[in-house]
């Protein structure tokens, strides 16, 4: 049950279209669906505005498919991250509308797409090798109801490529900057814009990149203001954070559609999620 559905239920009760007992039963429904190997939080959308996100890595295709199917029975949309082709095939057998985002290693499912809130989330990638992480951030922000602008291959080794897109970057409400190697891109971007920048270190690079630690330490040590850093290769976390920031911006502007949206009673709702590990 989402916040919108809860509001609609209360409106029916107020209008006398359903009984008090029927409304009470709906809210008393167990907030957990127990599949044996997983306990699904069925009230996540009610609290956060977006259903529980499924982390696929480490789970069998059958486990991921069962979780996704259970969520898909009652939710309008869902997101599964870090999957392989076998996961998608298993999900597709149960959810025909599921879409595989191969580069992002994600699966999305929508019965009805969320209207896009105003404002743009800009996703920057330093190099082509960073695209899997950048795309995970982009798919996450998109499914949660944001307009996403992808600006790729703008690493600092060719600074002119970044500066050529600076106007678009400066117009975004929030920026996600993804980089491996020494991780310089986010610090440079944060020094050029007045928007929040979310830095994502990747494990791309030769030996002393240390699996992304060098990029992570560089971003954490940056002298640029307004820079927040997520974990190595955590495109999902960056996309989620960008959604929350853009949601607040839309809420403050008074122009929020569904998600960070204006519900029927005019109250703002925020769009978010927490992933399943």
Protein backbone atom coordinates (compact mmCIF):
# COMPACT_ATOMS: atom_id res chain seq x y z
CA UNK A 1 0.00 0.00 0.00
CA UNK A 2 1.41 3.39 -1.02
CA UNK A 3 0.66 6.69 0.68
CA UNK A 4 -1.67 7.57 -2.19
CA UNK A 5 -3.58 4.30 -1.74
CA UNK A 6 -3.81 4.88 2.01
CA UNK A 7 -5.23 8.38 1.42
CA UNK A 8 -7.75 6.98 -1.08
CA UNK A 9 -8.84 4.36 1.46
CA UNK A 10 -9.36 7.01 4.14
CA UNK A 11 -11.34 9.15 1.69
CA UNK A 12 -13.63 6.18 0.96
CA UNK A 13 -14.14 5.68 4.67
CA UNK A 14 -14.95 9.35 5.12
CA UNK A 15 -17.41 9.24 2.21
CA UNK A 16 -19.11 6.16 3.64
CA UNK A 17 -18.12 3.94 0.70
CA UNK A 18 -16.46 1.34 2.93
CA UNK A 19 -17.05 0.31 6.52
CA UNK A 20 -14.81 1.20 9.44
CA UNK A 21 -14.00 -2.50 9.92
CA UNK A 22 -12.95 -2.89 6.27
CA UNK A 23 -10.61 0.10 6.55
CA UNK A 24 -9.20 -1.20 9.81
CA UNK A 25 -8.51 -4.63 8.29
CA UNK A 26 -6.64 -3.02 5.40
CA UNK A 27 -4.32 -1.15 7.77
CA UNK A 28 -3.92 -4.16 10.05
CA UNK A 29 -2.62 -6.37 7.24
CA UNK A 30 0.76 -7.84 8.15
CA UNK A 31 3.57 -5.53 6.93
CA UNK A 32 5.73 -8.54 6.02
CA UNK A 33 5.29 -11.23 3.37
CA UNK A 34 7.24 -14.29 4.53
CA UNK A 35 8.63 -16.34 1.63
CA UNK A 36 10.70 -18.53 3.93
CA UNK A 37 14.06 -17.41 2.54
CA UNK A 38 13.07 -13.72 2.56
CA UNK A 39 10.73 -11.46 4.49
CA UNK A 40 9.43 -8.72 2.20
CA UNK A 41 8.57 -5.33 3.68
CA UNK A 42 5.14 -4.72 2.13
CA UNK A 43 4.73 -1.34 3.86
CA UNK A 44 7.92 0.14 2.44
CA UNK A 45 6.00 2.10 -0.19
CA UNK A 46 3.60 3.42 2.46
CA UNK A 47 6.49 4.78 4.52
CA UNK A 48 8.90 5.76 1.75
CA UNK A 49 6.88 6.25 -1.43
CA UNK A 50 8.68 3.46 -3.33
CA UNK A 51 8.61 -0.33 -2.78
CA UNK A 52 11.47 -2.30 -1.32
CA UNK A 53 14.34 -2.49 -3.81
CA UNK A 54 15.77 -5.97 -4.38
CA UNK A 55 19.55 -6.50 -4.39
CA UNK A 56 20.09 -9.48 -6.70
CA UNK A 57 23.74 -10.31 -6.18
CA UNK A 58 24.18 -13.37 -3.98
CA UNK A 59 20.61 -14.54 -4.56
CA UNK A 60 19.59 -17.33 -6.93
CA UNK A 61 17.49 -16.46 -10.00
CA UNK A 62 14.57 -18.32 -8.44
CA UNK A 63 14.81 -16.35 -5.19
CA UNK A 64 14.96 -13.00 -7.00
CA UNK A 65 12.04 -13.98 -9.25
CA UNK A 66 9.86 -14.99 -6.30
CA UNK A 67 10.58 -11.77 -4.44
CA UNK A 68 9.92 -9.67 -7.55
CA UNK A 69 6.70 -11.55 -8.31
CA UNK A 70 5.41 -11.01 -4.77
CA UNK A 71 6.19 -7.29 -4.96
CA UNK A 72 4.73 -7.05 -8.45
CA UNK A 73 1.40 -8.46 -7.31
CA UNK A 74 0.69 -5.41 -5.17
CA UNK A 75 3.04 -2.62 -6.29
CA UNK A 76 2.87 -0.32 -9.30
CA UNK A 77 6.61 -0.53 -9.94
CA UNK A 78 9.78 -2.14 -8.66
CA UNK A 79 13.54 -2.14 -9.08
CA UNK A 80 16.00 -5.04 -8.89
CA UNK A 81 19.74 -4.26 -8.89
CA UNK A 82 22.92 -6.25 -9.52
CA UNK A 83 21.43 -9.03 -11.57
CA UNK A 84 22.70 -11.36 -14.27
CA UNK A 85 20.94 -12.51 -17.43
CA UNK A 86 19.71 -15.65 -15.62
CA UNK A 87 17.99 -13.47 -13.01
CA UNK A 88 16.19 -11.50 -15.69
CA UNK A 89 14.98 -14.63 -17.48
CA UNK A 90 13.52 -15.95 -14.23
CA UNK A 91 11.86 -12.60 -13.46
CA UNK A 92 10.47 -12.26 -16.99
CA UNK A 93 8.69 -15.60 -16.69
CA UNK A 94 6.67 -14.13 -13.82
CA UNK A 95 6.51 -10.44 -14.78
CA UNK A 96 6.09 -10.01 -18.53
CA UNK A 97 6.52 -6.24 -18.41
CA UNK A 98 9.92 -6.46 -16.73
CA UNK A 99 12.69 -4.56 -18.54
CA UNK A 100 16.34 -5.58 -18.44
CA UNK A 101 18.83 -2.71 -18.35
CA UNK A 102 21.90 -4.72 -19.29
CA UNK A 103 24.56 -2.04 -18.82
CA UNK A 104 23.13 -1.08 -15.41
CA UNK A 105 22.66 -4.72 -14.38
CA UNK A 106 19.14 -3.79 -13.26
CA UNK A 107 15.57 -4.84 -13.90
CA UNK A 108 12.62 -2.45 -13.69
CA UNK A 109 8.90 -3.18 -13.73
CA UNK A 110 6.12 -0.61 -14.09
CA UNK A 111 2.38 -1.00 -14.38
CA UNK A 112 2.05 2.76 -14.78
CA UNK A 113 5.12 5.02 -15.08
CA UNK A 114 5.54 7.75 -12.48
CA UNK A 115 5.08 11.28 -13.83
CA UNK A 116 8.45 13.00 -13.89
CA UNK A 117 8.93 15.71 -11.28
CA UNK A 118 10.42 19.05 -12.40
CA UNK A 119 14.16 19.49 -12.37
CA UNK A 120 16.91 17.33 -13.77
CA UNK A 121 19.32 14.80 -12.28
CA UNK A 122 22.59 14.92 -14.23
CA UNK A 123 24.61 11.70 -14.28
CA UNK A 124 28.26 12.20 -15.26
CA UNK A 125 30.71 9.42 -16.04
CA UNK A 126 34.43 10.03 -16.36
CA UNK A 127 35.01 7.18 -18.83
CA UNK A 128 33.22 4.45 -20.73
CA UNK A 129 34.46 1.85 -18.23
CA UNK A 130 32.46 3.67 -15.53
CA UNK A 131 29.15 3.28 -17.39
CA UNK A 132 27.79 0.23 -15.51
CA UNK A 133 27.87 2.19 -12.25
CA UNK A 134 26.64 5.41 -13.89
CA UNK A 135 23.77 3.56 -15.54
CA UNK A 136 22.76 1.96 -12.24
CA UNK A 137 22.44 5.49 -10.84
CA UNK A 138 20.52 6.68 -13.90
CA UNK A 139 18.05 3.77 -13.93
CA UNK A 140 17.46 4.20 -10.19
CA UNK A 141 16.73 7.92 -10.47
CA UNK A 142 14.54 7.40 -13.53
CA UNK A 143 12.27 4.67 -12.08
CA UNK A 144 11.72 6.87 -9.01
CA UNK A 145 10.25 9.66 -11.12
CA UNK A 146 13.14 11.94 -12.13
CA UNK A 147 14.23 13.42 -15.42
CA UNK A 148 17.74 12.11 -16.02
CA UNK A 149 20.37 13.63 -18.29
CA UNK A 150 23.31 11.38 -19.08
CA UNK A 151 26.63 13.15 -19.70
CA UNK A 152 29.27 10.52 -20.35
CA UNK A 153 33.00 10.35 -21.11
CA UNK A 154 33.83 13.72 -19.56
CA UNK A 155 36.85 12.76 -17.47
CA UNK A 156 39.45 15.34 -16.47
CA UNK A 157 42.12 13.96 -18.83
CA UNK A 158 40.22 15.90 -21.52
CA UNK A 159 38.83 18.81 -19.53
CA UNK A 160 37.43 20.49 -22.66
CA UNK A 161 34.85 17.65 -22.89
CA UNK A 162 33.51 18.54 -19.44
CA UNK A 163 33.52 22.29 -20.04
CA UNK A 164 31.59 21.83 -23.28
CA UNK A 165 28.67 20.45 -21.24
CA UNK A 166 29.00 22.81 -18.30
CA UNK A 167 25.80 24.76 -19.00
CA UNK A 168 23.69 21.58 -18.89
CA UNK A 169 25.45 20.43 -15.72
CA UNK A 170 24.89 23.77 -13.98
CA UNK A 171 21.15 23.66 -14.75
CA UNK A 172 20.60 20.31 -12.99
CA UNK A 173 19.13 20.24 -9.49
CA UNK A 174 21.62 17.58 -8.41
CA UNK A 175 24.65 15.96 -10.04
CA UNK A 176 26.02 12.43 -9.74
CA UNK A 177 29.67 12.20 -10.79
CA UNK A 178 31.10 8.72 -11.35
CA UNK A 179 34.84 8.11 -11.72
CA UNK A 180 37.52 5.50 -11.24
CA UNK A 181 41.30 5.80 -11.58
CA UNK A 182 42.31 8.70 -9.27
CA UNK A 183 38.68 9.88 -8.95
CA UNK A 184 39.27 13.53 -9.85
CA UNK A 185 36.03 14.30 -11.73
CA UNK A 186 33.62 14.95 -8.79
CA UNK A 187 35.97 17.44 -7.12
CA UNK A 188 36.40 19.40 -10.35
CA UNK A 189 32.63 19.43 -10.98
CA UNK A 190 31.83 20.52 -7.41
CA UNK A 191 34.14 23.51 -7.90
CA UNK A 192 32.19 24.62 -10.97
CA UNK A 193 28.55 24.40 -9.83
CA UNK A 194 26.29 25.63 -7.04
CA UNK A 195 24.38 22.35 -6.88
CA UNK A 196 24.93 19.31 -4.62
CA UNK A 197 27.32 16.80 -6.16
CA UNK A 198 27.24 13.10 -5.26
CA UNK A 199 30.56 11.39 -5.93
CA UNK A 200 30.72 7.71 -6.82
CA UNK A 201 34.15 6.04 -6.84
CA UNK A 202 34.45 3.01 -9.09
CA UNK A 203 36.80 0.04 -9.00
CA UNK A 204 38.02 0.89 -12.53
CA UNK A 205 41.79 1.37 -12.77
CA UNK A 206 45.22 -0.19 -12.69
CA UNK A 207 47.01 -1.64 -9.65
CA UNK A 208 47.24 1.33 -7.32
CA UNK A 209 43.60 2.15 -7.87
CA UNK A 210 43.26 -0.59 -5.22
CA UNK A 211 39.82 -1.69 -6.32
CA UNK A 212 38.40 1.83 -6.01
CA UNK A 213 40.00 2.79 -2.69
CA UNK A 214 42.26 5.38 -4.30
CA UNK A 215 39.28 7.07 -5.98
CA UNK A 216 37.29 6.86 -2.73
CA UNK A 217 40.07 8.44 -0.63
CA UNK A 218 40.59 11.16 -3.24
CA UNK A 219 36.89 12.07 -3.23
CA UNK A 220 36.69 12.03 0.57
CA UNK A 221 39.77 14.26 0.70
CA UNK A 222 38.53 16.76 -1.88
CA UNK A 223 38.75 20.46 -1.02
CA UNK A 224 35.63 21.22 -3.10
CA UNK A 225 32.54 22.18 -1.12
CA UNK A 226 29.12 20.58 -1.56
CA UNK A 227 30.53 17.14 -2.32
CA UNK A 228 29.05 13.96 -0.81
CA UNK A 229 30.64 10.55 -1.38
CA UNK A 230 28.95 7.13 -1.52
CA UNK A 231 30.54 3.68 -1.43
CA UNK A 232 32.66 2.16 -4.20
CA UNK A 233 30.57 1.17 -7.27
CA UNK A 234 27.36 2.20 -5.44
CA UNK A 235 25.40 3.66 -8.34
CA UNK A 236 22.13 2.70 -6.66
CA UNK A 237 22.96 4.68 -3.53
CA UNK A 238 23.87 7.74 -5.58
CA UNK A 239 20.70 7.51 -7.67
CA UNK A 240 18.60 7.15 -4.53
CA UNK A 241 20.27 10.15 -2.86
CA UNK A 242 19.78 12.21 -6.03
CA UNK A 243 16.09 11.29 -6.00
CA UNK A 244 15.71 12.51 -2.42
CA UNK A 245 17.42 15.82 -3.18
CA UNK A 246 15.41 16.42 -6.35
CA UNK A 247 12.26 15.47 -4.45
CA UNK A 248 12.92 18.17 -1.87
CA UNK A 249 13.66 20.71 -4.61
CA UNK A 250 10.35 19.89 -6.33
CA UNK A 251 8.51 20.03 -3.00
CA UNK A 252 9.95 23.46 -2.23
CA UNK A 253 9.02 24.74 -5.69
CA UNK A 254 5.43 23.55 -5.21
CA UNK A 255 5.50 21.79 -8.57
CA UNK A 256 5.86 18.16 -7.53
CA UNK A 257 3.88 15.49 -9.44
CA UNK A 258 3.48 11.95 -8.10
CA UNK A 259 6.35 10.53 -6.09
CA UNK A 260 7.53 13.68 -4.39
CA UNK A 261 4.13 14.54 -5.30
CA UNK A 262 1.01 16.36 -4.49
CA UNK A 263 -1.56 13.75 -3.56
CA UNK A 264 -5.29 14.29 -3.97
CA UNK A 265 -5.54 16.06 -0.65
CA UNK A 266 -2.68 18.39 -1.58
CA UNK A 267 -0.17 16.93 0.86
CA UNK A 268 3.32 16.39 -0.48
CA UNK A 269 4.71 12.87 -0.70
CA UNK A 270 8.35 11.99 -1.07
CA UNK A 271 9.66 9.23 -3.25
CA UNK A 272 12.33 6.88 -1.93
CA UNK A 273 13.39 3.34 -1.21
CA UNK A 274 15.68 1.13 0.80
CA UNK A 275 17.31 -1.81 -0.82
CA UNK A 276 17.09 -5.45 0.27
CA UNK A 277 20.45 -7.10 1.11
